[in-house]
Amino acid sequence: MSRQDKLLTVPEVLEELGGVSRRTFYRWRELGRAPACIRLPNDELRVWRSDLLAWLDSRREVA
């Protein structure tokens, strides 16, 4: 995590993922396949941008 890292809201994460639905994102969480999330005291979820990028890199497939 760097100084320029940012906590993203779920809608921001969905937008970064090209419009994945909220339902799909929460299903991925149930299956343990979503990026690491932080639950705030108000029960909202956040994702560090660096964690999202690392998660995307881990999903990369070699052709």
PDB file of N, CA and C in Angstrom:
ATOM      1  N   MET A   1       0.848  -1.171   0.000  1.00  0.00           N
ATOM      2  CA  MET A   1       0.000   0.000   0.000  1.00  0.00           C
ATOM      3  C   MET A   1       0.898   1.239   0.000  1.00  0.00           C
ATOM      4  N   SER A   2       0.612   2.179  -0.868  1.00  0.00           N
ATOM      5  CA  SER A   2       1.412   3.396  -0.956  1.00  0.00           C
ATOM      6  C   SER A   2       0.552   4.604  -0.593  1.00  0.00           C
ATOM      7  N   ARG A   3       1.213   5.730  -0.522  1.00  0.00           N
ATOM      8  CA  ARG A   3       0.478   6.962  -0.201  1.00  0.00           C
ATOM      9  C   ARG A   3      -0.590   7.263  -1.240  1.00  0.00           C
ATOM     10  N   GLN A   4      -0.383   6.794  -2.465  1.00  0.00           N
ATOM     11  CA  GLN A   4      -1.342   7.083  -3.516  1.00  0.00           C
ATOM     12  C   GLN A   4      -2.414   6.005  -3.628  1.00  0.00           C
ATOM     13  N   ASP A   5      -2.324   4.998  -2.774  1.00  0.00           N
ATOM     14  CA  ASP A   5      -3.346   3.959  -2.753  1.00  0.00           C
ATOM     15  C   ASP A   5      -4.651   4.596  -2.280  1.00  0.00           C
ATOM     16  N   LYS A   6      -5.753   4.014  -2.670  1.00  0.00           N
ATOM     17  CA  LYS A   6      -7.053   4.591  -2.328  1.00  0.00           C
ATOM     18  C   LYS A   6      -8.018   3.478  -1.954  1.00  0.00           C
ATOM     19  N   LEU A   7      -8.848   3.747  -0.965  1.00  0.00           N
ATOM     20  CA  LEU A   7      -9.920   2.820  -0.626  1.00  0.00           C
ATOM     21  C   LEU A   7     -11.071   3.053  -1.591  1.00  0.00           C
ATOM     22  N   LEU A   8     -11.463   2.006  -2.296  1.00  0.00           N
ATOM     23  CA  LEU A   8     -12.552   2.092  -3.267  1.00  0.00           C
ATOM     24  C   LEU A   8     -13.851   1.584  -2.650  1.00  0.00           C
ATOM     25  N   THR A   9     -14.951   2.215  -3.008  1.00  0.00           N
ATOM     26  CA  THR A   9     -16.265   1.720  -2.609  1.00  0.00           C
ATOM     27  C   THR A   9     -16.634   0.558  -3.532  1.00  0.00           C
ATOM     28  N   VAL A  10     -17.644  -0.199  -3.163  1.00  0.00           N
ATOM     29  CA  VAL A  10     -18.090  -1.302  -4.017  1.00  0.00           C
ATOM     30  C   VAL A  10     -18.504  -0.789  -5.397  1.00  0.00           C
ATOM     31  N   PRO A  11     -19.293   0.298  -5.520  1.00  0.00           N
ATOM     32  CA  PRO A  11     -19.629   0.787  -6.857  1.00  0.00           C
ATOM     33  C   PRO A  11     -18.382   1.160  -7.680  1.00  0.00           C
ATOM     34  N   GLU A  12     -17.363   1.712  -7.037  1.00  0.00           N
ATOM     35  CA  GLU A  12     -16.132   2.045  -7.753  1.00  0.00           C
ATOM     36  C   GLU A  12     -15.422   0.783  -8.237  1.00  0.00           C
ATOM     37  N   VAL A  13     -15.409  -0.251  -7.398  1.00  0.00           N
ATOM     38  CA  VAL A  13     -14.799  -1.528  -7.787  1.00  0.00           C
ATOM     39  C   VAL A  13     -15.550  -2.117  -8.980  1.00  0.00           C
ATOM     40  N   LEU A  14     -16.876  -2.098  -8.917  1.00  0.00           N
ATOM     41  CA  LEU A  14     -17.685  -2.645 -10.007  1.00  0.00           C
ATOM     42  C   LEU A  14     -17.410  -1.908 -11.307  1.00  0.00           C
ATOM     43  N   GLU A  15     -17.252  -0.592 -11.222  1.00  0.00           N
ATOM     44  CA  GLU A  15     -16.941   0.196 -12.413  1.00  0.00           C
ATOM     45  C   GLU A  15     -15.556  -0.167 -12.948  1.00  0.00           C
ATOM     46  N   GLU A  16     -14.580  -0.310 -12.048  1.00  0.00           N
ATOM     47  CA  GLU A  16     -13.219  -0.699 -12.455  1.00  0.00           C
ATOM     48  C   GLU A  16     -13.236  -2.056 -13.155  1.00  0.00           C
ATOM     49  N   LEU A  17     -14.144  -2.921 -12.759  1.00  0.00           N
ATOM     50  CA  LEU A  17     -14.225  -4.260 -13.335  1.00  0.00           C
ATOM     51  C   LEU A  17     -15.070  -4.289 -14.607  1.00  0.00           C
ATOM     52  N   GLY A  18     -15.409  -3.132 -15.114  1.00  0.00           N
ATOM     53  CA  GLY A  18     -16.120  -3.061 -16.384  1.00  0.00           C
ATOM     54  C   GLY A  18     -17.615  -3.254 -16.274  1.00  0.00           C
ATOM     55  N   GLY A  19     -18.177  -2.951 -15.112  1.00  0.00           N
ATOM     56  CA  GLY A  19     -19.621  -3.032 -14.969  1.00  0.00           C
ATOM     57  C   GLY A  19     -20.139  -4.358 -14.439  1.00  0.00           C
ATOM     58  N   VAL A  20     -19.296  -5.087 -13.699  1.00  0.00           N
ATOM     59  CA  VAL A  20     -19.765  -6.315 -13.044  1.00  0.00           C
ATOM     60  C   VAL A  20     -20.923  -5.944 -12.116  1.00  0.00           C
ATOM     61  N   SER A  21     -21.922  -6.793 -12.029  1.00  0.00           N
ATOM     62  CA  SER A  21     -23.081  -6.473 -11.187  1.00  0.00           C
ATOM     63  C   SER A  21     -22.742  -6.641  -9.705  1.00  0.00           C
ATOM     64  N   ARG A  22     -23.489  -5.901  -8.889  1.00  0.00           N
ATOM     65  CA  ARG A  22     -23.331  -5.982  -7.435  1.00  0.00           C
ATOM     66  C   ARG A  22     -23.583  -7.415  -6.971  1.00  0.00           C
ATOM     67  N   ARG A  23     -24.595  -8.026  -7.521  1.00  0.00           N
ATOM     68  CA  ARG A  23     -24.944  -9.406  -7.153  1.00  0.00           C
ATOM     69  C   ARG A  23     -23.778 -10.357  -7.440  1.00  0.00           C
ATOM     70  N   THR A  24     -23.162 -10.210  -8.610  1.00  0.00           N
ATOM     71  CA  THR A  24     -22.021 -11.061  -8.968  1.00  0.00           C
ATOM     72  C   THR A  24     -20.873 -10.847  -7.998  1.00  0.00           C
ATOM     73  N   PHE A  25     -20.586  -9.582  -7.669  1.00  0.00           N
ATOM     74  CA  PHE A  25     -19.499  -9.284  -6.736  1.00  0.00           C
ATOM     75  C   PHE A  25     -19.744  -9.960  -5.393  1.00  0.00           C
ATOM     76  N   TYR A  26     -20.954  -9.865  -4.850  1.00  0.00           N
ATOM     77  CA  TYR A  26     -21.237 -10.477  -3.546  1.00  0.00           C
ATOM     78  C   TYR A  26     -21.236 -12.005  -3.639  1.00  0.00           C
ATOM     79  N   ARG A  27     -21.590 -12.537  -4.781  1.00  0.00           N
ATOM     80  CA  ARG A  27     -21.493 -13.990  -4.990  1.00  0.00           C
ATOM     81  C   ARG A  27     -20.033 -14.421  -4.964  1.00  0.00           C
ATOM     82  N   TRP A  28     -19.177 -13.658  -5.637  1.00  0.00           N
ATOM     83  CA  TRP A  28     -17.744 -13.948  -5.590  1.00  0.00           C
ATOM     84  C   TRP A  28     -17.250 -13.939  -4.150  1.00  0.00           C
ATOM     85  N   ARG A  29     -17.738 -12.991  -3.340  1.00  0.00           N
ATOM     86  CA  ARG A  29     -17.334 -12.935  -1.921  1.00  0.00           C
ATOM     87  C   ARG A  29     -17.763 -14.202  -1.197  1.00  0.00           C
ATOM     88  N   GLU A  30     -18.993 -14.654  -1.443  1.00  0.00           N
ATOM     89  CA  GLU A  30     -19.485 -15.890  -0.815  1.00  0.00           C
ATOM     90  C   GLU A  30     -18.601 -17.075  -1.176  1.00  0.00           C
ATOM     91  N   LEU A  31     -18.117 -17.097  -2.408  1.00  0.00           N
ATOM     92  CA  LEU A  31     -17.301 -18.203  -2.901  1.00  0.00           C
ATOM     93  C   LEU A  31     -15.820 -18.033  -2.571  1.00  0.00           C
ATOM     94  N   GLY A  32     -15.452 -16.909  -1.947  1.00  0.00           N
ATOM     95  CA  GLY A  32     -14.055 -16.656  -1.623  1.00  0.00           C
ATOM     96  C   GLY A  32     -13.217 -16.299  -2.838  1.00  0.00           C
ATOM     97  N   ARG A  33     -13.843 -15.749  -3.875  1.00  0.00           N
ATOM     98  CA  ARG A  33     -13.145 -15.433  -5.122  1.00  0.00           C
ATOM     99  C   ARG A  33     -13.031 -13.936  -5.393  1.00  0.00           C
ATOM    100  N   ALA A  34     -13.474 -13.115  -4.477  1.00  0.00           N
ATOM    101  CA  ALA A  34     -13.432 -11.662  -4.656  1.00  0.00           C
ATOM    102  C   ALA A  34     -12.122 -11.104  -4.098  1.00  0.00           C
ATOM    103  N   PRO A  35     -11.789  -9.875  -4.478  1.00  0.00           N
ATOM    104  CA  PRO A  35     -10.602  -9.254  -3.883  1.00  0.00           C
ATOM    105  C   PRO A  35     -10.819  -9.041  -2.386  1.00  0.00           C
ATOM    106  N   ALA A  36      -9.717  -8.928  -1.656  1.00  0.00           N
ATOM    107  CA  ALA A  36      -9.787  -8.698  -0.208  1.00  0.00           C
ATOM    108  C   ALA A  36     -10.538  -7.400   0.071  1.00  0.00           C
ATOM    109  N   CYS A  37     -11.450  -7.457   1.034  1.00  0.00           N
ATOM    110  CA  CYS A  37     -12.265  -6.298   1.398  1.00  0.00           C
ATOM    111  C   CYS A  37     -12.022  -5.914   2.847  1.00  0.00           C
ATOM    112  N   ILE A  38     -12.300  -4.678   3.142  1.00  0.00           N
ATOM    113  CA  ILE A  38     -12.264  -4.158   4.510  1.00  0.00           C
ATOM    114  C   ILE A  38     -13.686  -3.778   4.873  1.00  0.00           C
ATOM    115  N   ARG A  39     -14.159  -4.264   6.019  1.00  0.00           N
ATOM    116  CA  ARG A  39     -15.502  -3.890   6.479  1.00  0.00           C
ATOM    117  C   ARG A  39     -15.345  -2.762   7.491  1.00  0.00           C
ATOM    118  N   LEU A  40     -15.928  -1.626   7.179  1.00  0.00           N
ATOM    119  CA  LEU A  40     -15.878  -0.470   8.063  1.00  0.00           C
ATOM    120  C   LEU A  40     -16.878  -0.635   9.209  1.00  0.00           C
ATOM    121  N   PRO A  41     -16.734   0.161  10.278  1.00  0.00           N
ATOM    122  CA  PRO A  41     -17.657   0.061  11.409  1.00  0.00           C
ATOM    123  C   PRO A  41     -19.130   0.264  11.033  1.00  0.00           C
ATOM    124  N   ASN A  42     -19.395   0.973   9.925  1.00  0.00           N
ATOM    125  CA  ASN A  42     -20.782   1.178   9.492  1.00  0.00           C
ATOM    126  C   ASN A  42     -21.252   0.051   8.570  1.00  0.00           C
ATOM    127  N   ASP A  43     -20.466  -1.041   8.499  1.00  0.00           N
ATOM    128  CA  ASP A  43     -20.753  -2.241   7.703  1.00  0.00           C
ATOM    129  C   ASP A  43     -20.564  -2.060   6.201  1.00  0.00           C
ATOM    130  N   GLU A  44     -20.059  -0.915   5.753  1.00  0.00           N
ATOM    131  CA  GLU A  44     -19.763  -0.756   4.336  1.00  0.00           C
ATOM    132  C   GLU A  44     -18.429  -1.426   4.015  1.00  0.00           C
ATOM    133  N   LEU A  45     -18.307  -1.897   2.777  1.00  0.00           N
ATOM    134  CA  LEU A  45     -17.074  -2.541   2.331  1.00  0.00           C
ATOM    135  C   LEU A  45     -16.225  -1.560   1.543  1.00  0.00           C
ATOM    136  N   ARG A  46     -14.915  -1.725   1.671  1.00  0.00           N
ATOM    137  CA  ARG A  46     -13.957  -0.972   0.875  1.00  0.00           C
ATOM    138  C   ARG A  46     -12.876  -1.932   0.397  1.00  0.00           C
ATOM    139  N   VAL A  47     -12.261  -1.589  -0.724  1.00  0.00           N
ATOM    140  CA  VAL A  47     -11.173  -2.391  -1.287  1.00  0.00           C
ATOM    141  C   VAL A  47     -10.027  -1.446  -1.609  1.00  0.00           C
ATOM    142  N   TRP A  48      -8.824  -1.761  -1.109  1.00  0.00           N
ATOM    143  CA  TRP A  48      -7.662  -0.967  -1.497  1.00  0.00           C
ATOM    144  C   TRP A  48      -7.439  -1.172  -2.985  1.00  0.00           C
ATOM    145  N   ARG A  49      -7.197  -0.088  -3.711  1.00  0.00           N
ATOM    146  CA  ARG A  49      -6.934  -0.191  -5.147  1.00  0.00           C
ATOM    147  C   ARG A  49      -5.780  -1.159  -5.415  1.00  0.00           C
ATOM    148  N   SER A  50      -4.731  -1.128  -4.587  1.00  0.00           N
ATOM    149  CA  SER A  50      -3.588  -2.033  -4.768  1.00  0.00           C
ATOM    150  C   SER A  50      -4.016  -3.493  -4.622  1.00  0.00           C
ATOM    151  N   ASP A  51      -4.942  -3.780  -3.709  1.00  0.00           N
ATOM    152  CA  ASP A  51      -5.450  -5.154  -3.546  1.00  0.00           C
ATOM    153  C   ASP A  51      -6.261  -5.574  -4.766  1.00  0.00           C
ATOM    154  N   LEU A  52      -7.047  -4.646  -5.315  1.00  0.00           N
ATOM    155  CA  LEU A  52      -7.831  -4.949  -6.512  1.00  0.00           C
ATOM    156  C   LEU A  52      -6.904  -5.269  -7.681  1.00  0.00           C
ATOM    157  N   LEU A  53      -5.853  -4.455  -7.856  1.00  0.00           N
ATOM    158  CA  LEU A  53      -4.918  -4.682  -8.955  1.00  0.00           C
ATOM    159  C   LEU A  53      -4.163  -5.998  -8.778  1.00  0.00           C
ATOM    160  N   ALA A  54      -3.759  -6.310  -7.542  1.00  0.00           N
ATOM    161  CA  ALA A  54      -3.069  -7.578  -7.275  1.00  0.00           C
ATOM    162  C   ALA A  54      -4.008  -8.754  -7.548  1.00  0.00           C
ATOM    163  N   TRP A  55      -5.277  -8.611  -7.156  1.00  0.00           N
ATOM    164  CA  TRP A  55      -6.264  -9.661  -7.392  1.00  0.00           C
ATOM    165  C   TRP A  55      -6.456  -9.875  -8.896  1.00  0.00           C
ATOM    166  N   LEU A  56      -6.544  -8.782  -9.644  1.00  0.00           N
ATOM    167  CA  LEU A  56      -6.696  -8.895 -11.104  1.00  0.00           C
ATOM    168  C   LEU A  56      -5.482  -9.594 -11.707  1.00  0.00           C
ATOM    169  N   ASP A  57      -4.274  -9.236 -11.257  1.00  0.00           N
ATOM    170  CA  ASP A  57      -3.068  -9.900 -11.760  1.00  0.00           C
ATOM    171  C   ASP A  57      -3.090 -11.393 -11.462  1.00  0.00           C
ATOM    172  N   SER A  58      -3.611 -11.764 -10.295  1.00  0.00           N
ATOM    173  CA  SER A  58      -3.654 -13.184  -9.922  1.00  0.00           C
ATOM    174  C   SER A  58      -4.660 -13.967 -10.759  1.00  0.00           C
ATOM    175  N   ARG A  59      -5.598 -13.253 -11.392  1.00  0.00           N
ATOM    176  CA  ARG A  59      -6.617 -13.902 -12.215  1.00  0.00           C
ATOM    177  C   ARG A  59      -6.170 -14.052 -13.668  1.00  0.00           C
ATOM    178  N   ARG A  60      -5.020 -13.494 -13.993  1.00  0.00           N
ATOM    179  CA  ARG A  60      -4.521 -13.498 -15.372  1.00  0.00           C
ATOM    180  C   ARG A  60      -4.250 -14.920 -15.825  1.00  0.00           C
ATOM    181  N   GLU A  61      -4.648 -15.210 -17.059  1.00  0.00           N
ATOM    182  CA  GLU A  61      -4.406 -16.521 -17.643  1.00  0.00           C
ATOM    183  C   GLU A  61      -3.432 -16.386 -18.811  1.00  0.00           C
ATOM    184  N   VAL A  62      -2.564 -17.356 -18.938  1.00  0.00           N
ATOM    185  CA  VAL A  62      -1.615 -17.364 -20.052  1.00  0.00           C
ATOM    186  C   VAL A  62      -2.214 -18.199 -21.164  1.00  0.00           C
ATOM    187  N   ALA A  63      -2.222 -17.641 -22.365  1.00  0.00           N
ATOM    188  CA  ALA A  63      -2.811 -18.348 -23.516  1.00  0.00           C
ATOM    189  C   ALA A  63      -1.867 -19.406 -24.054  1.00  0.00           C
TER     190      ALA A  63
END
